[in-house]
Amino acid sequence: MIRLLLISFFTLIYILPLKAQSETEFELAGIEFKGNSSFPTQVLSGLIISKETPNWFFKFLRKYSSFGAPPSYFDTSYIDDDIVILKGFYNANGFFESSITSSYSIDSAEQTANLRFDINEGPEAKFGKFEYFGFDVYPAEYRWQVDEKIKIDSSSRYSESQVLTVINDLNYLLKTKGFLLSAYDSTIVVRDTIHDRADIKVYFTLGKQYRIKDVAVSTQGDGADAVDPELIKDLIAIKPYEYYDAGKITQSQVRLFRTGLFSYVRLFPETDSLENDLVPLKVEGSIGSMNELAPELIMNNEQSSFNLGGAIEYKRKNLFGGARKLTLRGTAFYQDVLNLNFKRIFSIITLDDTITYGQAEFKTQLEQPYFLGEPIFGSLEFTATLAKFGFYKITKYSGRLIFDYELPKFTFVNYLRTFYAVENVIATIIAPSFGNPSASSISAGFGANVIASHSDDIIFPTEGSVLDIYVEEGNTLPYLISKTLGNDFKSVIFMKGQVTNSFYIPLSIARDMTFAAKTSLGYIQILNGSVADLQNTKKFFVGGSNSLRGWAARAFPPPQGSTQNLDVSQLPGGTVLLEGSFEFRMRFGKFLGMAVFTDWGNTWEDPSIIKIQEIAVATGFGFRFYTPFAAVRLDFGFKTYDPYDRTPLNERRFLDVMQFHFGIGEAF
């Protein structure tokens, strides 16, 4: 009896503390991974259910606001699920024989816990053969396209995500070749443990190859009666009995939306009304009012500077039929917002000061979605612009005929614009005591902009590249006409070109860190006349929130003209551009991020005077707030090397060295 009581007593002594301990919540102070040589801790910790408790700052914010994060507590019931998740991740990335164990420790005094996962990754499996099945009815002349999709480097590690990418590409390809009801069935992964290979077999069901029967139109809304259904069919540009093509349907839907007629539009196949190998298409949409008047708040980064202002815009849709759209737009914005006060609020349109930076503009634009019967988006614009840049003002009257070309989805070049522009530019030096001297010039020429954008994300790109090529000529056609008529031609003739290349390299599997780089080269060749005759608006500038961030917008080249010499031909701007940037970007969660950058560059009036020692360098850091539409930037740039001021940094005022910029979107 005494023995039984002693056993019960000591059992209670052991159990009661454990029970009390189990009812105490322990913050998970740390999660440790050992043996994970192929994947960083940051990636693995993002996969599992258990989470480390945030630091004191985020917990403090959470306590008194909706920001920050609450503490995370240790829960042993999560551990088995965490191991299953980790093994599934390793299995999906070619480590078929991985093993994972766990252990944990508890600090009762600090009320914290630490969790540890020991990982034995095992051998790494490479890709073996990739085979596809079910394509017996696929047209033989297009089989090469399928073979191109399944090309995978046999030296690369097996990745389930890469297999899914190939499957999605094949499925989309089938939808563009008429196989409307094609479907992916299954995948078999054959593991060769002797050679550490993974052979892939993918199975599809193709079904029939369908053609288009007809297109039905169903619209509603205030403006539905003002738009002819036949016009909508013409805009879609899909003819009966051509093969069903999901890519063309997407392009057609984008084309419809771009007209501005629709507040909602959807183009889709009516799979419930299939007839043999024919499928009808249907358009459903809501058409708003044909007249719109709306104000707008302007916040953008045009001209490499943060612009803040407003606009008012009137639109007349379906003008004279044909989905033409007339737009009247007035805008006014300021660039140097910090130096703006209410006394100078209207100084953009006056010659009262030499401090304000800004622009006022009125534009008339007529657009139509077709040109010569082809889906080429045409636009005719007439613009009057007043721009103030400190001590000088630019008045510009211009007309432009623009064509935007619709390109296929899977091409290297995915944006193409051509234009013909006529501009009359009046440059004025603001010096009332000397009569505000000015000079005017006219240019007319063809131009084109070609972009190959292949980054993985618009808001926070982490992989891929963007190539932007801009070319423009000035006054070639007027020169030829003048010579044909036997007249002298004295205006400047030039050729302008600029190439900008940006690329992004991911630094983590989680895609929350990236290295980004940009290089931009530009040159203007004078074919007739002199550089002094070239319009200031055609020249290159460096500096600003998307350029050399240690300086303000248009800081390079430094102005040579001033109220001291009153030489309008010496207004700033160069004919040679050389600039670039290196940037390390990191994103914290969904909304926050930061960046560290180095910018360099300058412009010169002639290639013969380029000097490496005149390339300015800025370094700095910045913070990002990410929204669903764009990143909002605050960058602090420092003049690391100023080619025109060799004063040591420690002898200069801090505000002379530092420049900060607001921005919308990443710098590049």
Foldseek 3Di string as FASTA:
>chain_A
DVVVVVVVVVVCVVVVVVVVLVVFWAFAQEEAEAPPPPADPVVLQVQFPAHHFDDPVLCVCVVPHVGRDHTGTDDPVRPVVSQVRVQVQLCQFFQPPKDKDKDKDADPVNRHIYIYIYIDSHDFAFEDAEEEDACPVPDPVCVVVLVVLPDDDRVHTHHNVSVVVSVVVVVLVLQAQQQVPKDWDDKDWDADPVRRYTYIYTYIHRPARAWEAEEAEDEEEDCPVVADVVLLVLLLPGDGGHTRGPQSLVVSQVSVVVLVQFPDKDKDWPPVPDDDRYIYIYMYTYGYDQKDKDKAWDFAQPLQFTKTWIKIKIKGFQVVHQSKIKMKMKIKIWGPVVPDDPVCPPVLPPLPFQPTWIKIKIKIKIWHQDDPSDRKIWMWMWMWMWTHHRQKIKTKTKIKIKIWDCDGDPDQWGTKMKMKMKMKIKMWGRDVVVPGDIDIDIKIWIKMKIKGDDFPDQAQGAFDKMKIKIKIWICPVVCVVCVVVPHDDQAWTKIKIKIKMKGWHHPRPVSQKIKIKMKMKMAMGTPHDALLRDDQVVFDAAEHNLGQDQHHRRPAPPQPDHPVVRRRSRGGGARIWTKMKIKIKGADPDFKIKMKMKIWIHGHNDPVPDDPLQIWMKIWMWMWTDDPVHIKIKIKIFRPHHSVDPDDPVVDDPVNGIDIGIHTGDSD
